[in-house]
């Protein structure tokens, strides 16, 4: 949730992130689980802690998350797409044409 909010801009850089208790109450999960997720974002450099105040979004976090998601997207979707296209004997220009056609549908 926090990561999505940063990516879509609803939680801007340098804004205070929700606390683990707020997240736990909202999602009805264990506060330790919420804290684990927030601490992972701190470890990844997406959030930073201010002692006694809370956690905040680091400058550049949105770009870093978008880059990470793009890389993950390529691994999850593009690589298998290319592998399947190779099996079908499709050329790159055919794939591009198909993507352009789909883009027209959106």
C-alpha atoms as a PDB file:
ATOM      1  CA  UNK A   1       0.000   0.000   0.000  1.00  0.00           C
ATOM      2  CA  UNK A   2       2.710   2.494   0.944  1.00  0.00           C
ATOM      3  CA  UNK A   3       4.759   1.550  -2.103  1.00  0.00           C
ATOM      4  CA  UNK A   4       1.735   1.970  -4.394  1.00  0.00           C
ATOM      5  CA  UNK A   5       0.975   5.341  -2.831  1.00  0.00           C
ATOM      6  CA  UNK A   6       4.514   6.508  -3.512  1.00  0.00           C
ATOM      7  CA  UNK A   7       4.424   5.275  -7.115  1.00  0.00           C
ATOM      8  CA  UNK A   8       1.075   6.918  -7.879  1.00  0.00           C
ATOM      9  CA  UNK A   9       2.155  10.132  -6.189  1.00  0.00           C
ATOM     10  CA  UNK A  10      -0.510  10.178  -3.479  1.00  0.00           C
ATOM     11  CA  UNK A  11       2.307   9.893  -0.921  1.00  0.00           C
ATOM     12  CA  UNK A  12       4.863  12.435  -2.169  1.00  0.00           C
ATOM     13  CA  UNK A  13       8.561  12.474  -1.452  1.00  0.00           C
ATOM     14  CA  UNK A  14       9.439  13.869   1.987  1.00  0.00           C
ATOM     15  CA  UNK A  15       5.864  13.218   3.202  1.00  0.00           C
ATOM     16  CA  UNK A  16       5.314  11.279   6.402  1.00  0.00           C
ATOM     17  CA  UNK A  17       4.406   7.650   5.846  1.00  0.00           C
ATOM     18  CA  UNK A  18       1.595   6.017   7.819  1.00  0.00           C
ATOM     19  CA  UNK A  19       2.715   4.375  11.042  1.00  0.00           C
ATOM     20  CA  UNK A  20       2.756   0.609  11.483  1.00  0.00           C
ATOM     21  CA  UNK A  21      -0.232   0.919  13.847  1.00  0.00           C
ATOM     22  CA  UNK A  22      -2.207   2.931  11.269  1.00  0.00           C
ATOM     23  CA  UNK A  23      -1.415   0.391   8.568  1.00  0.00           C
ATOM     24  CA  UNK A  24      -2.266  -2.519  10.836  1.00  0.00           C
ATOM     25  CA  UNK A  25      -5.620  -0.998  11.800  1.00  0.00           C
ATOM     26  CA  UNK A  26      -6.508  -0.090   8.212  1.00  0.00           C
ATOM     27  CA  UNK A  27      -5.590  -3.487   6.743  1.00  0.00           C
ATOM     28  CA  UNK A  28      -6.574  -5.445   9.836  1.00  0.00           C
ATOM     29  CA  UNK A  29      -3.211  -7.124  10.062  1.00  0.00           C
ATOM     30  CA  UNK A  30      -0.758  -7.703  12.878  1.00  0.00           C
ATOM     31  CA  UNK A  31       1.215  -4.522  13.704  1.00  0.00           C
ATOM     32  CA  UNK A  32       4.422  -6.574  13.571  1.00  0.00           C
ATOM     33  CA  UNK A  33       3.625  -7.493   9.980  1.00  0.00           C
ATOM     34  CA  UNK A  34       3.025  -3.846   9.092  1.00  0.00           C
ATOM     35  CA  UNK A  35       6.261  -2.867  10.818  1.00  0.00           C
ATOM     36  CA  UNK A  36       8.136  -5.556   8.896  1.00  0.00           C
ATOM     37  CA  UNK A  37       6.899  -4.091   5.603  1.00  0.00           C
ATOM     38  CA  UNK A  38       7.845  -0.561   6.609  1.00  0.00           C
ATOM     39  CA  UNK A  39      11.270  -1.673   7.783  1.00  0.00           C
ATOM     40  CA  UNK A  40      11.820  -3.383   4.445  1.00  0.00           C
ATOM     41  CA  UNK A  41      11.103  -0.058   2.720  1.00  0.00           C
ATOM     42  CA  UNK A  42      13.623   1.574   5.069  1.00  0.00           C
ATOM     43  CA  UNK A  43      16.192  -1.105   4.188  1.00  0.00           C
ATOM     44  CA  UNK A  44      15.511  -0.468   0.504  1.00  0.00           C
ATOM     45  CA  UNK A  45      16.103   3.258   0.970  1.00  0.00           C
ATOM     46  CA  UNK A  46      12.506   4.178   0.131  1.00  0.00           C
ATOM     47  CA  UNK A  47      11.661   5.456   3.612  1.00  0.00           C
ATOM     48  CA  UNK A  48      13.825   6.977   6.315  1.00  0.00           C
ATOM     49  CA  UNK A  49      13.214   7.314  10.023  1.00  0.00           C
ATOM     50  CA  UNK A  50      13.172  10.466  12.093  1.00  0.00           C
ATOM     51  CA  UNK A  51      13.624   9.555  15.715  1.00  0.00           C
ATOM     52  CA  UNK A  52      10.465  10.157  17.709  1.00  0.00           C
ATOM     53  CA  UNK A  53       8.532  11.488  14.715  1.00  0.00           C
ATOM     54  CA  UNK A  54       8.023   8.629  12.270  1.00  0.00           C
ATOM     55  CA  UNK A  55       9.007   7.518   8.800  1.00  0.00           C
ATOM     56  CA  UNK A  56       9.220   9.684   5.712  1.00  0.00           C
ATOM     57  CA  UNK A  57       9.523   9.112   1.987  1.00  0.00           C
ATOM     58  CA  UNK A  58      13.054   9.690   0.717  1.00  0.00           C
ATOM     59  CA  UNK A  59      13.801  12.047  -2.134  1.00  0.00           C
ATOM     60  CA  UNK A  60      13.982  10.005  -5.320  1.00  0.00           C
ATOM     61  CA  UNK A  61      11.876   7.173  -3.893  1.00  0.00           C
ATOM     62  CA  UNK A  62       9.229   7.386  -6.610  1.00  0.00           C
ATOM     63  CA  UNK A  63      11.790   7.111  -9.391  1.00  0.00           C
ATOM     64  CA  UNK A  64      13.572   4.241  -7.649  1.00  0.00           C
ATOM     65  CA  UNK A  65      10.315   2.331  -7.182  1.00  0.00           C
ATOM     66  CA  UNK A  66       9.233   2.920 -10.762  1.00  0.00           C
ATOM     67  CA  UNK A  67      12.606   1.690 -12.037  1.00  0.00           C
ATOM     68  CA  UNK A  68      12.411  -1.388  -9.805  1.00  0.00           C
ATOM     69  CA  UNK A  69       8.888  -2.135 -10.995  1.00  0.00           C
ATOM     70  CA  UNK A  70       9.839  -1.683 -14.631  1.00  0.00           C
ATOM     71  CA  UNK A  71      12.664  -4.184 -14.200  1.00  0.00           C
ATOM     72  CA  UNK A  72      10.285  -6.611 -12.496  1.00  0.00           C
ATOM     73  CA  UNK A  73       7.710  -6.045 -15.249  1.00  0.00           C
ATOM     74  CA  UNK A  74      10.279  -6.920 -17.897  1.00  0.00           C
ATOM     75  CA  UNK A  75      11.261 -10.097 -16.081  1.00  0.00           C
ATOM     76  CA  UNK A  76       7.678 -11.171 -15.422  1.00  0.00           C
ATOM     77  CA  UNK A  77       6.078 -10.236 -18.724  1.00  0.00           C
ATOM     78  CA  UNK A  78       8.492  -9.157 -21.462  1.00  0.00           C
ATOM     79  CA  UNK A  79      10.994 -12.001 -21.138  1.00  0.00           C
ATOM     80  CA  UNK A  80       8.267 -14.680 -21.349  1.00  0.00           C
ATOM     81  CA  UNK A  81       6.666 -12.760 -24.240  1.00  0.00           C
ATOM     82  CA  UNK A  82       9.908 -12.794 -26.190  1.00  0.00           C
ATOM     83  CA  UNK A  83      10.487 -16.464 -25.401  1.00  0.00           C
ATOM     84  CA  UNK A  84       6.996 -17.358 -26.651  1.00  0.00           C
ATOM     85  CA  UNK A  85       7.405 -15.188 -29.735  1.00  0.00           C
ATOM     86  CA  UNK A  86      10.647 -17.013 -30.511  1.00  0.00           C
ATOM     87  CA  UNK A  87       8.831 -20.337 -30.234  1.00  0.00           C
ATOM     88  CA  UNK A  88       6.200 -19.070 -32.665  1.00  0.00           C
ATOM     89  CA  UNK A  89       8.807 -17.725 -35.058  1.00  0.00           C
ATOM     90  CA  UNK A  90       7.589 -14.153 -34.671  1.00  0.00           C
ATOM     91  CA  UNK A  91       9.847 -11.247 -35.528  1.00  0.00           C
ATOM     92  CA  UNK A  92      10.303  -8.169 -33.374  1.00  0.00           C
ATOM     93  CA  UNK A  93       8.423  -5.971 -35.828  1.00  0.00           C
ATOM     94  CA  UNK A  94       5.418  -8.314 -35.594  1.00  0.00           C
ATOM     95  CA  UNK A  95       5.446  -7.990 -31.818  1.00  0.00           C
ATOM     96  CA  UNK A  96       5.649  -4.214 -32.091  1.00  0.00           C
ATOM     97  CA  UNK A  97       2.695  -4.199 -34.477  1.00  0.00           C
ATOM     98  CA  UNK A  98       0.669  -6.315 -32.063  1.00  0.00           C
ATOM     99  CA  UNK A  99       1.543  -3.988 -29.163  1.00  0.00           C
ATOM    100  CA  UNK A 100       0.601  -0.934 -31.239  1.00  0.00           C
ATOM    101  CA  UNK A 101      -2.734  -2.536 -32.080  1.00  0.00           C
ATOM    102  CA  UNK A 102      -3.393  -3.299 -28.412  1.00  0.00           C
ATOM    103  CA  UNK A 103      -2.398   0.238 -27.483  1.00  0.00           C
ATOM    104  CA  UNK A 104      -5.130   1.452 -29.805  1.00  0.00           C
ATOM    105  CA  UNK A 105      -7.672  -0.582 -27.834  1.00  0.00           C
ATOM    106  CA  UNK A 106      -6.785   1.000 -24.455  1.00  0.00           C
END
